[in-house]
Amino acid sequence: MDRLSASARLMIVSDLDHTMVDHHDSENLSLLRFNALWEANYRHDSLLVFSTGRSLTLYKELRKEKPMLTPDITIMSVGTEITYGLEMVPDEGWVEVLNHKWNRSIVIEEASKFSELTPQAETEQRPHKASFYIQKDKAQAVTKALSESLEKRGLDVKIIYSGGIDLDILPRGAGKGQALAYLHKKFKTAGKLPTSTLVCGDSGNDAELFSIPDVFGVMVSNAQEELLQWHAENAKDNSKIIHATERCAAGIIQAIGHFNLGPSTSLRDVKDFLDSKVETKSIGHEIVKFYLFYEKWRCAEVEESCAYLDRLKAAFNSSGVFVHPSGLELSLSDRLSSIRKHYGDSQGKQYRVWVDRVLPTKISSDSWLVKFDKWELSGEKRLCCRTTAILSSKDSNTANESIWLHIHQTWLEGSGSEFSSTWLF
């Protein structure tokens, strides 16, 4: 992982289901709030890590269902797999660690002797994880007996029970907490240990995360009894761990503010966000701010005001060029003018816009080359284009109040032909 040249300002390590992702939030508002906060203030100098019990197959399914950001690091299958970036390059060093005193064939052989265990789907069976379902009242006794039988066979394993039904058998050195400890050690060796780490979870398989030294932790308000019980028994006096009063991603935002880890106000929570002040020197703030306005304008969630459009006009170079994903070249000023007639055209519809992987590169004393993915959801259709923009700052000492000089977009998924007439920016 070499995206950052220095230590990350903040590393967030978050479980997905019922922590980062709220399956009871049909409009994904808390997740979109977090997305806007992260891309505006943290992406450029911090690390986002998703730590999930999901296999690669189920993780990819979730990404298709929910407006999730691309993490810098993904820890999957209850801490048995570590990958990096969008390409999900595996960490071979972690594989070597997990091979110690592990034999999956023996695990399956011994587990088959317990009728109480029902194997999970084949997609959840991984090289260093064997997964089963078991009723809650049977879990404790089976876990004890199975542990003893595997120890007699010469294996060193751990058994994790979570969610009131899931039982995972892993190498002793595996697990979400051990995967994080491994990453911390790796970063420390490279002289890039993050300044702060915030771990976030809701269930029993997240408990290990909170036991890693010197991390901040948040149990979201909807945390399950098993995690709250672990906390009461092991960390109730640890002031670095809180039980949030907000659900899921909203609870993570709450924790960022509680521990003073950095900006904690999402642009989605700011009423007059075009006038909002930058909390950190991040060009990402300008990117998020514009596309959030674009969404709200089309949903009629901001006033149809000439003042808004005049402020936007001042932020776009009159001779700048916009290259539409179809390849059509237009002037930025003309494209901006066309926004006026689209006011409220998505009002009352399921329409959302968000950006991902906002990564700026400074190319002169006062200008940035910025690459990012712009996503647009309209009803059940979700499309993305890879965007490259050039922005110049009015003040060379800050990335605030920048002028857009150039925008070039290409379709990332699908042809996008059905969006040709309505895809404005």
Protein backbone atom coordinates (compact mmCIF):
# COMPACT_ATOMS: atom_id res chain seq x y z
CA MET A 1 0.00 0.00 0.00
CA ASP A 2 1.99 2.99 -1.26
CA ARG A 3 -0.70 5.56 -2.11
CA LEU A 4 0.41 7.82 0.74
CA SER A 5 3.99 9.09 0.92
CA ALA A 6 3.74 9.65 4.68
CA SER A 7 1.76 8.34 7.66
CA ALA A 8 -1.99 8.49 7.27
CA ARG A 9 -3.65 11.21 9.33
CA LEU A 10 -6.49 8.83 10.15
CA MET A 11 -7.16 5.19 9.42
CA ILE A 12 -10.78 4.07 9.78
CA VAL A 13 -11.26 0.32 10.06
CA SER A 14 -14.95 -0.49 9.78
CA ASP A 15 -17.14 -3.55 9.62
CA LEU A 16 -19.70 -3.33 6.80
CA ASP A 17 -23.08 -4.94 7.55
CA HIS A 18 -24.97 -2.98 10.21
CA THR A 19 -21.89 -0.80 10.87
CA MET A 20 -20.88 1.15 7.78
CA VAL A 21 -23.94 -0.10 5.89
CA ASP A 22 -27.39 0.28 7.43
CA HIS A 23 -29.70 -2.31 5.86
CA HIS A 24 -32.69 -0.58 7.47
CA ASP A 25 -31.87 2.71 5.71
CA SER A 26 -33.46 2.19 2.29
CA GLU A 27 -32.18 5.55 1.00
CA ASN A 28 -28.66 5.00 2.38
CA LEU A 29 -28.61 8.50 3.83
CA SER A 30 -26.13 7.81 6.63
CA LEU A 31 -23.76 6.05 4.21
CA LEU A 32 -23.98 8.94 1.74
CA ARG A 33 -23.30 11.38 4.59
CA PHE A 34 -20.12 9.46 5.45
CA ASN A 35 -19.10 9.29 1.79
CA ALA A 36 -19.31 13.07 1.44
CA LEU A 37 -17.34 13.61 4.66
CA TRP A 38 -14.60 11.17 3.67
CA GLU A 39 -14.06 12.35 0.10
CA ALA A 40 -14.19 16.03 1.06
CA ASN A 41 -11.83 15.87 4.03
CA TYR A 42 -9.93 12.59 4.35
CA ARG A 43 -9.37 10.65 1.14
CA HIS A 44 -6.22 12.58 0.19
CA ASP A 45 -4.27 11.87 3.38
CA SER A 46 -6.04 9.06 5.23
CA LEU A 47 -6.84 5.36 4.83
CA LEU A 48 -10.23 3.68 4.63
CA VAL A 49 -10.28 -0.01 5.56
CA PHE A 50 -13.33 -2.26 5.28
CA SER A 51 -13.12 -5.26 7.60
CA THR A 52 -15.93 -7.70 6.88
CA GLY A 53 -16.98 -11.24 7.52
CA ARG A 54 -18.18 -11.38 3.92
CA SER A 55 -16.34 -13.41 1.32
CA LEU A 56 -15.13 -11.78 -1.88
CA THR A 57 -18.31 -12.91 -3.68
CA LEU A 58 -20.69 -11.41 -1.11
CA TYR A 59 -18.54 -8.29 -0.75
CA LYS A 60 -18.85 -7.61 -4.48
CA GLU A 61 -22.60 -8.17 -4.28
CA LEU A 62 -22.88 -5.56 -1.52
CA ARG A 63 -20.92 -3.05 -3.58
CA LYS A 64 -23.48 -3.44 -6.37
CA GLU A 65 -26.36 -2.90 -3.94
CA LYS A 66 -25.09 0.03 -1.88
CA PRO A 67 -23.34 3.36 -2.66
CA MET A 68 -20.09 2.27 -1.03
CA LEU A 69 -16.74 4.00 -1.42
CA THR A 70 -13.68 2.13 -2.63
CA PRO A 71 -11.52 1.32 0.40
CA ASP A 72 -7.73 1.52 0.36
CA ILE A 73 -7.58 -1.87 2.07
CA THR A 74 -10.15 -4.67 2.30
CA ILE A 75 -10.06 -7.29 5.04
CA MET A 76 -12.49 -10.08 4.16
CA SER A 77 -13.71 -13.44 5.41
CA VAL A 78 -13.34 -12.54 9.11
CA GLY A 79 -9.75 -11.36 8.82
CA THR A 80 -8.39 -14.21 6.70
CA GLU A 81 -7.80 -12.17 3.53
CA ILE A 82 -6.16 -8.77 3.08
CA THR A 83 -6.20 -6.99 -0.28
CA TYR A 84 -5.18 -3.54 -1.48
CA GLY A 85 -6.87 -0.97 -3.71
CA LEU A 86 -9.54 -1.23 -6.37
CA GLU A 87 -7.65 -4.13 -7.98
CA MET A 88 -7.75 -6.01 -4.63
CA VAL A 89 -4.11 -7.14 -4.75
CA PRO A 90 -3.63 -9.86 -2.09
CA ASP A 91 -1.13 -9.56 0.76
CA GLU A 92 1.04 -12.66 0.35
CA GLY A 93 2.78 -12.07 3.67
CA TRP A 94 -0.55 -12.47 5.46
CA VAL A 95 -1.14 -15.78 3.68
CA GLU A 96 2.16 -17.09 5.07
CA VAL A 97 1.18 -16.06 8.59
CA LEU A 98 -2.11 -17.94 8.37
CA ASN A 99 -0.61 -21.17 7.07
CA HIS A 100 0.98 -21.86 10.49
CA LYS A 101 -0.61 -24.97 12.08
CA TRP A 102 -3.59 -24.84 9.74
CA ASN A 103 -5.06 -27.67 7.68
CA ARG A 104 -8.49 -27.02 6.31
CA SER A 105 -9.15 -30.66 5.43
CA ILE A 106 -8.73 -31.69 9.06
CA VAL A 107 -11.01 -28.85 10.18
CA ILE A 108 -13.77 -30.05 7.85
CA GLU A 109 -13.27 -33.65 8.94
CA GLU A 110 -13.62 -32.84 12.63
CA ALA A 111 -16.51 -30.39 12.13
CA SER A 112 -18.48 -33.06 10.22
CA LYS A 113 -18.72 -35.03 13.45
CA PHE A 114 -21.04 -32.41 14.94
CA SER A 115 -24.59 -32.71 13.62
CA GLU A 116 -25.40 -29.32 15.13
CA LEU A 117 -23.22 -27.62 12.50
CA THR A 118 -24.68 -26.79 9.08
CA PRO A 119 -22.13 -25.70 6.45
CA GLN A 120 -22.66 -22.22 4.99
CA ALA A 121 -22.74 -21.62 1.23
CA GLU A 122 -19.71 -22.63 -0.81
CA THR A 123 -18.89 -18.95 -1.47
CA GLU A 124 -18.26 -18.53 2.27
CA GLN A 125 -15.78 -21.42 2.46
CA ARG A 126 -12.34 -19.88 2.02
CA PRO A 127 -8.75 -21.23 2.14
CA HIS A 128 -8.35 -20.07 5.75
CA LYS A 129 -11.97 -20.14 6.90
CA ALA A 130 -14.57 -22.84 7.42
CA SER A 131 -18.03 -21.42 8.11
CA PHE A 132 -21.15 -22.99 9.60
CA TYR A 133 -24.55 -22.14 11.05
CA ILE A 134 -25.47 -23.25 14.56
CA GLN A 135 -28.33 -22.51 16.92
CA LYS A 136 -27.48 -20.15 19.76
CA ASP A 137 -28.25 -22.63 22.55
CA LYS A 138 -25.85 -25.20 21.04
CA ALA A 139 -22.97 -22.86 20.22
CA GLN A 140 -21.05 -22.82 23.51
CA ALA A 141 -20.89 -26.58 23.99
CA VAL A 142 -19.99 -27.32 20.38
CA THR A 143 -17.33 -24.63 20.33
CA LYS A 144 -15.64 -26.13 23.39
CA ALA A 145 -15.74 -29.71 22.14
CA LEU A 146 -14.64 -28.81 18.61
CA SER A 147 -11.73 -26.73 19.91
CA GLU A 148 -10.48 -29.69 21.96
CA SER A 149 -10.73 -32.13 19.04
CA LEU A 150 -8.84 -29.80 16.67
CA GLU A 151 -6.13 -29.22 19.26
CA LYS A 152 -5.66 -32.97 19.57
CA ARG A 153 -5.16 -33.11 15.80
CA GLY A 154 -2.27 -30.66 16.10
CA LEU A 155 -4.02 -27.57 14.78
CA ASP A 156 -3.97 -24.11 16.33
CA VAL A 157 -7.34 -22.50 15.55
CA LYS A 158 -9.83 -20.00 16.87
CA ILE A 159 -13.58 -20.31 16.68
CA ILE A 160 -15.67 -17.16 16.40
CA TYR A 161 -19.41 -17.13 17.04
CA SER A 162 -21.34 -14.04 15.94
CA GLY A 163 -24.74 -12.79 14.93
CA GLY A 164 -26.47 -15.44 17.02
CA ILE A 165 -25.99 -18.04 14.26
CA ASP A 166 -22.62 -17.82 12.44
CA LEU A 167 -19.68 -19.98 13.51
CA ASP A 168 -16.32 -19.48 11.79
CA ILE A 169 -13.21 -21.62 12.27
CA LEU A 170 -9.97 -19.78 11.47
CA PRO A 171 -6.24 -20.15 12.03
CA ARG A 172 -5.26 -18.89 15.49
CA GLY A 173 -3.41 -15.98 13.92
CA ALA A 174 -6.45 -14.88 11.88
CA GLY A 175 -9.35 -12.59 12.73
CA LYS A 176 -10.21 -8.95 12.24
CA GLY A 177 -8.07 -7.84 15.17
CA GLN A 178 -5.02 -9.84 14.14
CA ALA A 179 -5.32 -8.56 10.57
CA LEU A 180 -5.32 -5.00 11.90
CA ALA A 181 -2.34 -5.76 14.18
CA TYR A 182 -0.50 -7.14 11.15
CA LEU A 183 -1.22 -3.95 9.18
CA HIS A 184 -0.10 -1.75 12.07
CA LYS A 185 3.16 -3.70 12.31
CA LYS A 186 3.66 -3.44 8.56
CA PHE A 187 3.05 0.33 8.57
CA LYS A 188 5.30 0.81 11.60
CA THR A 189 8.15 -1.08 9.92
CA ALA A 190 7.80 1.21 6.91
CA GLY A 191 7.71 4.29 9.17
CA LYS A 192 4.10 5.00 8.18
CA LEU A 193 2.03 4.09 11.24
CA PRO A 194 -1.22 6.10 11.05
CA THR A 195 -1.44 9.01 13.48
CA SER A 196 -4.85 7.76 14.66
CA THR A 197 -6.88 4.62 14.06
CA LEU A 198 -10.65 4.39 14.61
CA VAL A 199 -12.22 0.92 14.65
CA CYS A 200 -15.97 0.51 14.15
CA GLY A 201 -18.21 -2.49 14.72
CA ASP A 202 -21.54 -3.95 15.79
CA SER A 203 -21.11 -7.69 16.42
CA GLY A 204 -19.03 -10.35 18.15
CA ASN A 205 -16.58 -10.84 15.30
CA ASP A 206 -15.65 -7.14 15.64
CA ALA A 207 -14.60 -7.47 19.30
CA GLU A 208 -10.94 -8.19 18.43
CA LEU A 209 -10.67 -4.83 16.70
CA PHE A 210 -11.29 -3.03 19.99
CA SER A 211 -8.52 -4.95 21.75
CA ILE A 212 -5.73 -3.59 19.53
CA PRO A 213 -3.54 -1.18 21.58
CA ASP A 214 -3.91 2.57 21.14
CA VAL A 215 -6.94 2.54 18.82
CA PHE A 216 -10.10 4.55 19.22
CA GLY A 217 -13.29 2.54 18.93
CA VAL A 218 -17.00 3.01 18.32
CA MET A 219 -19.74 0.48 18.85
CA VAL A 220 -22.61 1.84 16.80
CA SER A 221 -25.92 2.38 18.61
CA ASN A 222 -27.42 -0.74 17.01
CA ALA A 223 -24.55 -2.96 18.25
CA GLN A 224 -25.56 -6.51 19.12
CA GLU A 225 -25.72 -7.87 22.66
CA GLU A 226 -22.65 -10.06 22.15
CA LEU A 227 -20.41 -7.04 21.46
CA LEU A 228 -21.89 -4.97 24.28
CA GLN A 229 -21.34 -7.87 26.66
CA TRP A 230 -17.73 -8.25 25.54
CA HIS A 231 -17.23 -4.53 26.15
CA ALA A 232 -18.78 -4.71 29.63
CA GLU A 233 -16.53 -7.61 30.56
CA ASN A 234 -13.28 -6.44 28.96
CA ALA A 235 -13.20 -2.71 28.21
CA LYS A 236 -15.87 -0.82 30.15
CA ASP A 237 -13.24 1.51 31.64
CA ASN A 238 -11.54 2.22 28.32
CA SER A 239 -12.32 5.87 27.54
CA LYS A 240 -11.15 5.36 23.95
CA ILE A 241 -14.19 3.19 23.19
CA ILE A 242 -17.69 4.64 22.99
CA HIS A 243 -21.18 3.30 22.38
CA ALA A 244 -22.59 5.77 19.86
CA THR A 245 -26.11 7.11 20.06
CA GLU A 246 -26.35 7.06 16.25
CA ARG A 247 -26.80 4.06 13.97
CA CYS A 248 -24.23 2.68 11.57
CA ALA A 249 -22.27 5.23 9.47
CA ALA A 250 -23.86 8.09 11.44
CA GLY A 251 -22.32 6.58 14.57
CA ILE A 252 -18.90 6.55 12.89
CA ILE A 253 -19.25 10.24 12.07
CA GLN A 254 -20.27 10.84 15.69
CA ALA A 255 -17.11 9.07 16.90
CA ILE A 256 -14.85 11.15 14.65
CA GLY A 257 -16.23 14.26 16.34
CA HIS A 258 -16.22 12.77 19.85
CA PHE A 259 -12.52 11.88 19.67
CA ASN A 260 -11.56 15.06 17.76
CA LEU A 261 -9.97 13.02 14.98
CA GLY A 262 -10.70 15.63 12.33
CA PRO A 263 -13.64 17.31 10.57
CA SER A 264 -16.93 15.64 11.48
CA THR A 265 -19.50 17.70 9.58
CA SER A 266 -20.62 16.16 6.31
CA LEU A 267 -21.47 18.55 3.51
CA ARG A 268 -24.80 16.72 3.31
CA ASP A 269 -25.57 18.16 6.75
CA VAL A 270 -24.73 21.76 5.83
CA LYS A 271 -27.74 23.80 4.73
CA ASP A 272 -25.94 26.40 2.62
CA PHE A 273 -23.05 24.19 1.57
CA LEU A 274 -21.95 26.39 -1.34
CA ASP A 275 -20.86 28.92 1.30
CA SER A 276 -19.39 26.29 3.65
CA LYS A 277 -15.87 26.76 4.92
CA VAL A 278 -13.14 24.19 4.29
CA GLU A 279 -12.13 22.44 7.52
CA THR A 280 -8.99 21.02 5.93
CA LYS A 281 -6.93 22.08 2.93
CA SER A 282 -8.49 19.57 0.56
CA ILE A 283 -9.41 20.02 -3.07
CA GLY A 284 -11.83 17.16 -2.47
CA HIS A 285 -14.08 19.60 -0.63
CA GLU A 286 -14.63 21.54 -3.86
CA ILE A 287 -15.41 18.36 -5.82
CA VAL A 288 -17.93 17.07 -3.28
CA LYS A 289 -19.50 20.51 -2.86
CA PHE A 290 -20.21 20.95 -6.57
CA TYR A 291 -21.69 17.49 -7.15
CA LEU A 292 -23.81 17.72 -4.04
CA PHE A 293 -25.23 21.01 -5.36
CA TYR A 294 -25.81 19.29 -8.72
CA GLU A 295 -27.89 16.59 -6.98
CA LYS A 296 -29.85 18.99 -4.81
CA TRP A 297 -30.57 21.34 -7.72
CA ARG A 298 -32.06 18.54 -9.79
CA CYS A 299 -34.05 17.32 -6.77
CA ALA A 300 -35.28 20.87 -6.02
CA GLU A 301 -33.75 20.61 -2.55
CA VAL A 302 -32.13 24.05 -2.89
CA GLU A 303 -33.82 27.29 -3.83
CA GLU A 304 -34.10 28.02 -7.56
CA SER A 305 -31.95 31.07 -7.19
CA CYS A 306 -29.91 33.07 -9.67
CA ALA A 307 -27.51 33.78 -6.82
CA TYR A 308 -26.58 30.09 -6.67
CA LEU A 309 -25.95 29.93 -10.39
CA ASP A 310 -23.96 33.16 -10.36
CA ARG A 311 -21.65 31.74 -7.68
CA LEU A 312 -21.20 28.59 -9.72
CA LYS A 313 -20.55 30.57 -12.87
CA ALA A 314 -17.74 32.40 -11.10
CA ALA A 315 -16.19 29.03 -10.23
CA PHE A 316 -15.97 27.87 -13.87
CA ASN A 317 -13.50 29.23 -16.40
CA SER A 318 -15.44 30.79 -19.28
CA SER A 319 -13.09 29.23 -21.85
CA GLY A 320 -12.90 25.85 -20.14
CA VAL A 321 -13.86 22.62 -21.91
CA PHE A 322 -16.16 19.81 -20.79
CA VAL A 323 -15.73 16.45 -22.54
CA HIS A 324 -18.94 14.45 -22.16
CA PRO A 325 -18.58 10.65 -21.65
CA SER A 326 -19.98 10.23 -25.16
CA GLY A 327 -16.94 12.12 -26.48
CA LEU A 328 -18.79 15.33 -27.28
CA GLU A 329 -16.81 18.49 -26.44
CA LEU A 330 -18.70 21.42 -24.96
CA SER A 331 -17.76 24.66 -23.26
CA LEU A 332 -17.95 24.62 -19.48
CA SER A 333 -19.98 27.82 -19.46
CA ASP A 334 -22.57 26.38 -21.85
CA ARG A 335 -22.80 23.19 -19.83
CA LEU A 336 -23.29 25.18 -16.66
CA SER A 337 -26.01 27.25 -18.29
CA SER A 338 -27.88 24.09 -19.23
CA ILE A 339 -28.26 23.21 -15.55
CA ARG A 340 -30.87 25.96 -15.18
CA LYS A 341 -33.50 24.14 -17.24
CA HIS A 342 -32.99 20.89 -15.30
CA TYR A 343 -34.04 22.34 -11.96
CA GLY A 344 -36.28 19.85 -10.17
CA ASP A 345 -36.32 17.28 -12.99
CA SER A 346 -35.55 14.52 -10.46
CA GLN A 347 -37.77 15.82 -7.67
CA GLY A 348 -39.54 13.01 -5.82
CA LYS A 349 -37.42 10.38 -7.54
CA GLN A 350 -34.74 8.13 -6.14
CA TYR A 351 -31.87 10.26 -7.38
CA ARG A 352 -28.44 10.51 -5.77
CA VAL A 353 -24.98 11.63 -6.84
CA TRP A 354 -21.74 10.79 -5.05
CA VAL A 355 -18.04 10.76 -5.82
CA ASP A 356 -15.41 8.16 -4.99
CA ARG A 357 -11.60 7.95 -5.07
CA VAL A 358 -11.07 11.73 -5.22
CA LEU A 359 -7.31 11.91 -5.62
CA PRO A 360 -5.71 15.30 -6.44
CA THR A 361 -2.19 15.86 -7.72
CA LYS A 362 -0.71 19.34 -7.50
CA ILE A 363 0.69 20.23 -10.93
CA SER A 364 1.71 23.83 -10.24
CA SER A 365 1.77 26.30 -7.37
CA ASP A 366 -1.96 26.96 -7.71
CA SER A 367 -3.51 24.15 -9.74
CA TRP A 368 -4.50 20.51 -9.31
CA LEU A 369 -5.16 17.55 -11.57
CA VAL A 370 -7.95 15.59 -9.89
CA LYS A 371 -9.18 12.11 -10.77
CA PHE A 372 -12.33 10.63 -9.30
CA ASP A 373 -15.32 8.40 -10.04
CA LYS A 374 -18.66 10.17 -10.29
CA TRP A 375 -21.68 7.99 -9.59
CA GLU A 376 -25.27 8.81 -10.49
CA LEU A 377 -28.27 6.81 -9.28
CA SER A 378 -31.61 7.34 -10.98
CA GLY A 379 -34.31 4.89 -9.96
CA GLU A 380 -32.78 1.45 -10.38
CA LYS A 381 -30.16 2.61 -12.88
CA ARG A 382 -26.69 3.28 -11.52
CA LEU A 383 -23.89 4.49 -13.75
CA CYS A 384 -20.38 5.75 -13.21
CA CYS A 385 -17.86 7.73 -15.18
CA ARG A 386 -14.16 8.18 -14.55
CA THR A 387 -13.56 11.92 -14.32
CA THR A 388 -10.40 13.96 -14.75
CA ALA A 389 -10.57 17.65 -13.85
CA ILE A 390 -8.16 20.55 -13.64
CA LEU A 391 -8.82 23.16 -10.97
CA SER A 392 -6.93 26.32 -10.18
CA SER A 393 -7.07 27.97 -6.78
CA LYS A 394 -7.89 31.65 -6.37
CA ASP A 395 -5.51 31.56 -3.42
CA SER A 396 -2.35 29.49 -3.90
CA ASN A 397 -2.16 28.77 -0.16
CA THR A 398 -5.43 26.85 0.00
CA ALA A 399 -7.57 24.55 -2.09
CA ASN A 400 -10.70 26.54 -1.27
CA GLU A 401 -12.65 28.60 -3.80
CA SER A 402 -11.11 26.93 -6.83
CA ILE A 403 -11.88 27.59 -10.47
CA TRP A 404 -12.72 24.62 -12.71
CA LEU A 405 -10.64 24.78 -15.89
CA HIS A 406 -11.34 21.44 -17.58
CA ILE A 407 -13.49 18.31 -17.09
CA HIS A 408 -13.09 15.07 -19.05
CA GLN A 409 -15.34 12.05 -18.42
CA THR A 410 -15.42 8.48 -19.75
CA TRP A 411 -17.99 5.78 -18.95
CA LEU A 412 -16.66 3.35 -16.38
CA GLU A 413 -19.51 0.85 -16.43
CA GLY A 414 -21.95 0.26 -19.28
CA SER A 415 -22.38 2.38 -22.38
CA GLY A 416 -24.33 5.11 -20.62
CA SER A 417 -26.31 5.79 -23.77
CA GLU A 418 -29.59 6.07 -21.86
CA PHE A 419 -28.07 8.92 -19.86
CA SER A 420 -26.67 10.85 -22.83
CA SER A 421 -29.35 13.52 -22.74
CA THR A 422 -29.57 13.95 -18.97
CA TRP A 423 -25.98 13.39 -17.85
CA LEU A 424 -24.92 16.99 -17.38
CA PHE A 425 -21.75 16.88 -15.31
